[in-house]
Amino acid sequence: MTEQMLAPEDQMMQWITSKCITKPIFVISELGIADLMCDGPKSVEALAEKTDTHAPTLFRILRALSSVGVFVQTEDRVFGLTPLAQCLFSNALRPIARMFLSEWHDKAWNGLSHTVRTGEPGFDYTFGKPSFEWFEEHPEERSILDQGQASKAVGFANAVIENYDFSDFNSICDIGGGQGAFLIQLLTAYPSIRGYVADLPEAVVSAEKAIVKANLGDRCKAITYDFNKETPPACDAYFLVNVLHDWNDEICIRILKNITTSMNADSRLWIIEYIMEPGPGFSVAKLLDLEVLVMSGGCERSIDEYKNLIAAAGLQVSRIIPTKSGPTMLESLMD
């Protein structure tokens, strides 16, 4: 029976009990179970031994996830991969699952009632401080966040590369680039371009390691940069990838103005974000809008709202390119 054929009560029960699926997915992702099955089905006992877990309980979790197609039970107490389970590989959505389904993420979302009453971020309410400050004090959780963000960034980079030719550019700066996953992917595709990953100190440490691992140290640098206060290095192109949606309009305009200080008539600024489409109906942006609301007080925006921000910083949108994977590319230049 498809979701469309369910009675309203049954469909609502699916959503109410969704934790019975999402939290087991988190546990499985934490343990790396999908990776352990990459060479074939495994018995619960073998998986429990490798993960130092309680076999009878692990069986119950895998049985439950198999009932919704995440794994397949090939024989008694033996489980294997399905296409859904393959999404939980370490090089796929496992980092995203560990981030979105983590305890700190759940705790932040517990502040949604406060958010709807006040408009203030649920994260600030439950943790007593803004998210970026809290993560600077909690390196283990910051690492999980960075891994999740890096996984998203690789997907965004592939979408960008598929839709635009950057061969005319010599230098690129990824503002708020985190671990550098986006820029590393871009520079790997364009061997003649040099680049900068510009972010706060904790992110720079991770980015430096990623740059070395990718053998890009000769043309890629991670630099400490506060986009609220400083101007970035002069480059041909600048990227803001999933950055502006975290901030209110005032801060976004400040970030953009700091970048324009380093731009000239030939420079390009690319803003990569999910766009809030007008009208009713499903949109991933409408769900992510609640995510950034809870985490930072940010919002997903429409094309017109981004145009207004960009214009307020002395720029104009020169091109809008939707991608197949969801985010939209907004190219801007000096007005």
Protein backbone atom coordinates (compact mmCIF):
# COMPACT_ATOMS: atom_id res chain seq x y z
CA MET A 1 0.00 0.00 0.00
CA THR A 2 1.49 3.34 -1.00
CA GLU A 3 1.49 6.37 1.27
CA GLN A 4 -1.13 8.03 -0.99
CA MET A 5 -3.52 5.10 -0.37
CA LEU A 6 -3.22 5.16 3.43
CA ALA A 7 -6.06 6.46 5.55
CA PRO A 8 -5.23 9.83 7.17
CA GLU A 9 -4.90 8.19 10.61
CA ASP A 10 -2.46 5.58 9.25
CA GLN A 11 -0.38 8.17 7.45
CA MET A 12 -0.24 10.35 10.54
CA MET A 13 0.79 7.32 12.62
CA GLN A 14 3.66 6.73 10.21
CA TRP A 15 4.93 10.23 10.94
CA ILE A 16 4.28 10.05 14.67
CA THR A 17 6.22 6.80 14.97
CA SER A 18 8.97 7.82 12.53
CA LYS A 19 11.45 7.85 15.44
CA CYS A 20 11.15 4.04 15.42
CA ILE A 21 12.90 4.17 12.06
CA THR A 22 15.14 7.25 12.30
CA LYS A 23 16.78 6.46 15.64
CA PRO A 24 17.68 2.88 14.60
CA ILE A 25 19.13 4.37 11.40
CA PHE A 26 21.25 6.65 13.58
CA VAL A 27 22.51 3.73 15.68
CA ILE A 28 23.30 1.67 12.58
CA SER A 29 25.12 4.67 11.08
CA GLU A 30 27.13 5.23 14.26
CA LEU A 31 28.22 1.57 14.18
CA GLY A 32 29.04 1.60 10.45
CA ILE A 33 26.93 -1.53 9.88
CA ALA A 34 26.35 -0.88 6.16
CA ASP A 35 30.11 -0.67 5.52
CA LEU A 36 30.58 -4.03 7.27
CA MET A 37 28.15 -5.64 4.78
CA CYS A 38 29.82 -4.25 1.66
CA ASP A 39 31.30 -7.64 0.72
CA GLY A 40 28.11 -9.61 1.40
CA PRO A 41 25.45 -10.48 4.01
CA LYS A 42 26.58 -10.96 7.58
CA SER A 43 25.18 -12.81 10.57
CA VAL A 44 24.03 -10.77 13.53
CA GLU A 45 26.64 -12.52 15.66
CA ALA A 46 29.46 -11.50 13.31
CA LEU A 47 28.23 -7.91 13.20
CA ALA A 48 27.84 -7.77 16.97
CA GLU A 49 31.38 -9.05 17.46
CA LYS A 50 32.84 -6.42 15.10
CA THR A 51 30.85 -3.58 16.69
CA ASP A 52 31.03 -4.73 20.33
CA THR A 53 27.25 -4.74 20.65
CA HIS A 54 24.57 -7.00 22.15
CA ALA A 55 23.63 -9.51 19.41
CA PRO A 56 19.97 -10.09 20.42
CA THR A 57 19.31 -6.33 20.49
CA LEU A 58 21.17 -5.72 17.24
CA PHE A 59 19.01 -8.43 15.66
CA ARG A 60 15.84 -6.60 16.73
CA ILE A 61 17.09 -3.33 15.26
CA LEU A 62 18.07 -4.94 11.94
CA ARG A 63 14.79 -6.84 11.83
CA ALA A 64 12.84 -3.60 12.29
CA LEU A 65 14.83 -1.78 9.59
CA SER A 66 14.46 -4.76 7.26
CA SER A 67 10.68 -4.48 7.62
CA VAL A 68 10.84 -1.07 5.94
CA GLY A 69 13.39 -2.05 3.29
CA VAL A 70 16.57 -0.59 4.75
CA PHE A 71 18.17 -4.06 5.01
CA VAL A 72 17.14 -7.50 3.80
CA GLN A 73 17.05 -10.64 5.92
CA THR A 74 18.55 -13.29 3.63
CA GLU A 75 18.26 -16.18 6.11
CA ASP A 76 17.75 -16.67 9.81
CA ARG A 77 19.74 -13.96 11.69
CA VAL A 78 21.62 -13.00 8.51
CA PHE A 79 21.19 -9.56 6.93
CA GLY A 80 22.36 -7.94 3.72
CA LEU A 81 22.26 -4.65 1.88
CA THR A 82 19.46 -3.09 -0.11
CA PRO A 83 19.73 0.10 -2.22
CA LEU A 84 18.52 2.01 0.84
CA ALA A 85 21.20 0.46 3.04
CA GLN A 86 23.89 1.38 0.50
CA CYS A 87 22.92 5.02 1.11
CA LEU A 88 24.38 4.55 4.62
CA PHE A 89 27.92 3.83 3.38
CA SER A 90 30.57 6.16 4.80
CA ASN A 91 31.09 7.71 1.36
CA ALA A 92 27.34 8.30 0.94
CA LEU A 93 24.75 9.49 3.48
CA ARG A 94 26.21 8.01 6.67
CA PRO A 95 27.71 11.38 7.74
CA ILE A 96 24.37 13.09 7.08
CA ALA A 97 22.52 10.49 9.18
CA ARG A 98 24.99 10.87 12.05
CA MET A 99 24.55 14.64 11.95
CA PHE A 100 20.77 15.00 11.55
CA LEU A 101 19.88 12.12 13.89
CA SER A 102 22.40 12.85 16.64
CA GLU A 103 21.51 13.55 20.28
CA TRP A 104 22.62 17.20 20.09
CA HIS A 105 20.45 17.70 17.00
CA ASP A 106 17.44 16.15 18.74
CA LYS A 107 18.05 18.37 21.75
CA ALA A 108 18.13 21.50 19.58
CA TRP A 109 14.85 20.50 17.93
CA ASN A 110 13.30 20.05 21.38
CA GLY A 111 13.45 23.85 21.47
CA LEU A 112 11.04 24.19 18.55
CA SER A 113 8.15 25.04 20.89
CA HIS A 114 10.22 27.93 22.25
CA THR A 115 11.06 28.97 18.68
CA VAL A 116 7.44 29.08 17.56
CA ARG A 117 6.55 31.23 20.57
CA THR A 118 9.45 33.66 20.31
CA GLY A 119 11.09 33.33 16.88
CA GLU A 120 14.40 32.60 18.62
CA PRO A 121 16.60 29.64 17.57
CA GLY A 122 15.79 26.44 19.46
CA PHE A 123 19.51 25.67 19.64
CA ASP A 124 20.28 28.87 21.56
CA TYR A 125 17.43 28.17 23.98
CA THR A 126 18.36 24.57 24.78
CA PHE A 127 22.15 24.98 24.82
CA GLY A 128 22.36 28.52 26.21
CA LYS A 129 24.49 29.89 23.38
CA PRO A 130 24.57 30.14 19.56
CA SER A 131 25.42 26.98 17.66
CA PHE A 132 28.74 28.23 16.23
CA GLU A 133 30.00 29.01 19.75
CA TRP A 134 28.87 25.65 21.12
CA PHE A 135 30.56 23.69 18.33
CA GLU A 136 33.84 25.51 18.89
CA GLU A 137 33.73 24.12 22.47
CA HIS A 138 32.74 20.58 21.43
CA PRO A 139 35.26 19.30 18.85
CA GLU A 140 33.82 15.76 18.65
CA GLU A 141 30.35 17.03 17.75
CA ARG A 142 31.92 19.62 15.46
CA SER A 143 33.72 16.81 13.65
CA ILE A 144 30.43 14.98 13.02
CA LEU A 145 28.85 18.24 11.83
CA ASP A 146 31.79 18.87 9.48
CA GLN A 147 31.58 15.37 8.04
CA GLY A 148 27.87 15.83 7.35
CA GLN A 149 28.40 19.23 5.80
CA ALA A 150 31.28 17.89 3.71
CA SER A 151 29.07 15.12 2.36
CA LYS A 152 26.50 17.72 1.27
CA ALA A 153 29.23 19.95 -0.16
CA VAL A 154 30.54 17.19 -2.45
CA GLY A 155 27.04 16.74 -3.88
CA PHE A 156 26.72 20.49 -4.39
CA ALA A 157 30.12 20.64 -6.08
CA ASN A 158 29.19 17.88 -8.51
CA ALA A 159 25.96 19.73 -9.35
CA VAL A 160 27.87 22.95 -9.95
CA ILE A 161 30.51 21.28 -12.12
CA GLU A 162 27.78 19.65 -14.18
CA ASN A 163 26.09 22.98 -14.88
CA TYR A 164 28.89 25.50 -15.42
CA ASP A 165 32.31 25.72 -17.08
CA PHE A 166 34.87 27.32 -14.76
CA SER A 167 37.87 26.90 -17.04
CA ASP A 168 38.23 30.69 -17.55
CA PHE A 169 38.85 31.30 -13.84
CA ASN A 170 42.31 31.36 -12.28
CA SER A 171 41.43 31.67 -8.60
CA ILE A 172 38.43 30.83 -6.41
CA CYS A 173 37.67 31.55 -2.75
CA ASP A 174 35.14 29.38 -0.93
CA ILE A 175 33.76 31.62 1.85
CA GLY A 176 32.73 29.64 4.93
CA GLY A 177 34.07 26.55 3.17
CA GLY A 178 34.33 24.30 6.24
CA GLN A 179 36.49 21.25 5.64
CA GLY A 180 37.08 22.31 2.04
CA ALA A 181 35.11 19.47 0.43
CA PHE A 182 33.36 21.73 -2.08
CA LEU A 183 36.50 23.51 -3.26
CA ILE A 184 38.59 20.34 -3.31
CA GLN A 185 36.05 18.73 -5.62
CA LEU A 186 36.06 21.79 -7.86
CA LEU A 187 39.86 22.09 -8.02
CA THR A 188 40.20 18.39 -8.75
CA ALA A 189 38.01 18.91 -11.82
CA TYR A 190 39.98 22.01 -12.88
CA PRO A 191 43.75 21.44 -12.45
CA SER A 192 44.67 24.98 -13.54
CA ILE A 193 42.69 26.79 -10.83
CA ARG A 194 44.09 27.73 -7.42
CA GLY A 195 41.84 28.35 -4.44
CA TYR A 196 41.28 29.37 -0.83
CA VAL A 197 39.06 27.80 1.79
CA ALA A 198 38.18 30.69 4.11
CA ASP A 199 36.62 29.92 7.51
CA LEU A 200 37.03 30.08 11.28
CA PRO A 201 40.10 28.51 12.96
CA GLU A 202 38.59 25.10 13.88
CA ALA A 203 37.38 24.58 10.31
CA VAL A 204 40.74 25.65 8.89
CA VAL A 205 42.52 22.90 10.82
CA SER A 206 40.24 20.27 9.24
CA ALA A 207 40.48 21.87 5.80
CA GLU A 208 44.29 21.83 5.89
CA LYS A 209 44.27 18.09 6.51
CA ALA A 210 41.76 17.50 3.71
CA ILE A 211 43.82 19.59 1.28
CA VAL A 212 46.96 17.58 2.04
CA LYS A 213 45.06 14.30 1.66
CA ALA A 214 43.79 15.45 -1.75
CA ASN A 215 47.36 16.38 -2.84
CA LEU A 216 46.30 19.96 -3.55
CA GLY A 217 48.71 21.75 -1.23
CA ASP A 218 50.49 23.43 -4.14
CA ARG A 219 47.38 25.35 -5.28
CA CYS A 220 44.92 25.34 -2.39
CA LYS A 221 45.21 27.04 0.99
CA ALA A 222 42.98 27.15 4.06
CA ILE A 223 42.93 30.62 5.62
CA THR A 224 41.41 31.91 8.83
CA TYR A 225 38.61 34.28 7.94
CA ASP A 226 35.60 35.84 9.69
CA PHE A 227 33.10 36.76 6.98
CA ASN A 228 31.28 39.06 9.43
CA LYS A 229 34.31 41.30 9.88
CA GLU A 230 36.88 40.84 7.14
CA THR A 231 37.37 41.10 3.39
CA PRO A 232 38.54 37.94 1.59
CA PRO A 233 41.62 37.69 -0.66
CA ALA A 234 41.27 39.01 -4.21
CA CYS A 235 40.09 36.21 -6.53
CA ASP A 236 38.31 35.77 -9.86
CA ALA A 237 35.37 34.01 -8.25
CA TYR A 238 33.81 33.60 -4.81
CA PHE A 239 31.46 30.93 -3.53
CA LEU A 240 28.95 31.03 -0.69
CA VAL A 241 27.67 27.45 -0.45
CA ASN A 242 24.82 26.93 2.02
CA VAL A 243 26.04 29.91 4.04
CA LEU A 244 23.51 32.73 3.70
CA HIS A 245 20.55 30.58 4.77
CA ASP A 246 22.08 30.39 8.26
CA TRP A 247 21.85 34.15 8.83
CA ASN A 248 19.36 36.99 9.02
CA ASP A 249 19.20 39.67 6.31
CA GLU A 250 21.41 42.17 8.15
CA ILE A 251 24.28 39.71 8.57
CA CYS A 252 23.87 38.40 5.00
CA ILE A 253 24.23 41.91 3.59
CA ARG A 254 27.32 42.45 5.74
CA ILE A 255 28.86 39.21 4.46
CA LEU A 256 28.12 40.19 0.86
CA LYS A 257 29.49 43.72 1.27
CA ASN A 258 32.74 42.36 2.72
CA ILE A 259 33.13 40.19 -0.38
CA THR A 260 32.33 43.01 -2.80
CA THR A 261 35.23 45.01 -1.34
CA SER A 262 37.59 42.46 -2.90
CA MET A 263 35.73 42.16 -6.21
CA ASN A 264 36.28 44.01 -9.49
CA ALA A 265 34.23 44.33 -12.67
CA ASP A 266 35.29 40.87 -13.87
CA SER A 267 34.81 39.02 -10.57
CA ARG A 268 31.93 36.64 -10.01
CA LEU A 269 30.14 35.66 -6.82
CA TRP A 270 28.24 32.37 -6.76
CA ILE A 271 25.56 31.79 -4.13
CA ILE A 272 24.52 28.12 -3.89
CA GLU A 273 21.30 27.55 -1.94
CA TYR A 274 17.98 25.75 -1.99
CA ILE A 275 15.32 28.16 -3.22
CA MET A 276 11.90 28.63 -1.65
CA GLU A 277 9.43 28.22 -4.49
CA PRO A 278 6.11 30.08 -4.35
CA GLY A 279 2.78 28.33 -3.84
CA PRO A 280 1.68 25.13 -2.09
CA GLY A 281 3.08 21.64 -2.53
CA PHE A 282 6.14 19.76 -1.32
CA SER A 283 9.51 21.49 -1.32
CA VAL A 284 12.67 20.38 0.44
CA ALA A 285 13.37 24.07 1.03
CA LYS A 286 10.23 24.31 3.19
CA LEU A 287 11.60 21.58 5.47
CA LEU A 288 15.17 22.88 5.51
CA ASP A 289 13.74 26.29 6.39
CA LEU A 290 12.72 24.83 9.77
CA GLU A 291 16.17 23.26 10.20
CA VAL A 292 18.03 26.56 9.85
CA LEU A 293 15.35 28.31 11.94
CA VAL A 294 15.98 25.94 14.85
CA MET A 295 19.76 25.83 14.48
CA SER A 296 20.63 29.46 13.84
CA GLY A 297 17.55 31.60 13.27
CA GLY A 298 18.21 31.61 9.53
CA CYS A 299 15.79 30.96 6.68
CA GLU A 300 15.51 29.61 3.16
CA ARG A 301 14.69 32.39 0.69
CA SER A 302 12.94 32.95 -2.61
CA ILE A 303 14.73 34.19 -5.72
CA ASP A 304 13.34 37.70 -5.16
CA GLU A 305 14.53 37.71 -1.55
CA TYR A 306 18.04 36.76 -2.65
CA LYS A 307 17.96 39.41 -5.36
CA ASN A 308 17.09 42.02 -2.72
CA LEU A 309 20.00 40.94 -0.50
CA ILE A 310 22.40 40.95 -3.43
CA ALA A 311 21.24 44.38 -4.60
CA ALA A 312 21.63 45.80 -1.08
CA ALA A 313 25.31 44.81 -1.25
CA GLY A 314 25.86 46.60 -4.56
CA LEU A 315 25.66 43.49 -6.75
CA GLN A 316 23.27 42.25 -9.41
CA VAL A 317 22.19 38.74 -10.31
CA SER A 318 23.50 37.94 -13.77
CA ARG A 319 22.42 34.32 -14.07
CA ILE A 320 20.21 31.80 -12.26
CA ILE A 321 20.89 28.10 -12.87
CA PRO A 322 18.79 25.38 -11.20
CA THR A 323 20.51 22.01 -10.74
CA LYS A 324 19.08 18.51 -10.94
CA SER A 325 20.07 17.73 -7.35
CA GLY A 326 18.10 20.58 -5.79
CA PRO A 327 20.25 23.66 -5.06
CA THR A 328 20.21 26.68 -7.34
CA MET A 329 23.24 28.64 -8.54
CA LEU A 330 22.94 32.44 -8.46
CA GLU A 331 25.76 34.20 -10.30
CA SER A 332 26.31 37.83 -9.25
CA LEU A 333 28.61 40.61 -10.41
CA MET A 334 29.29 44.22 -9.52
CA ASP A 335 26.36 46.52 -10.22
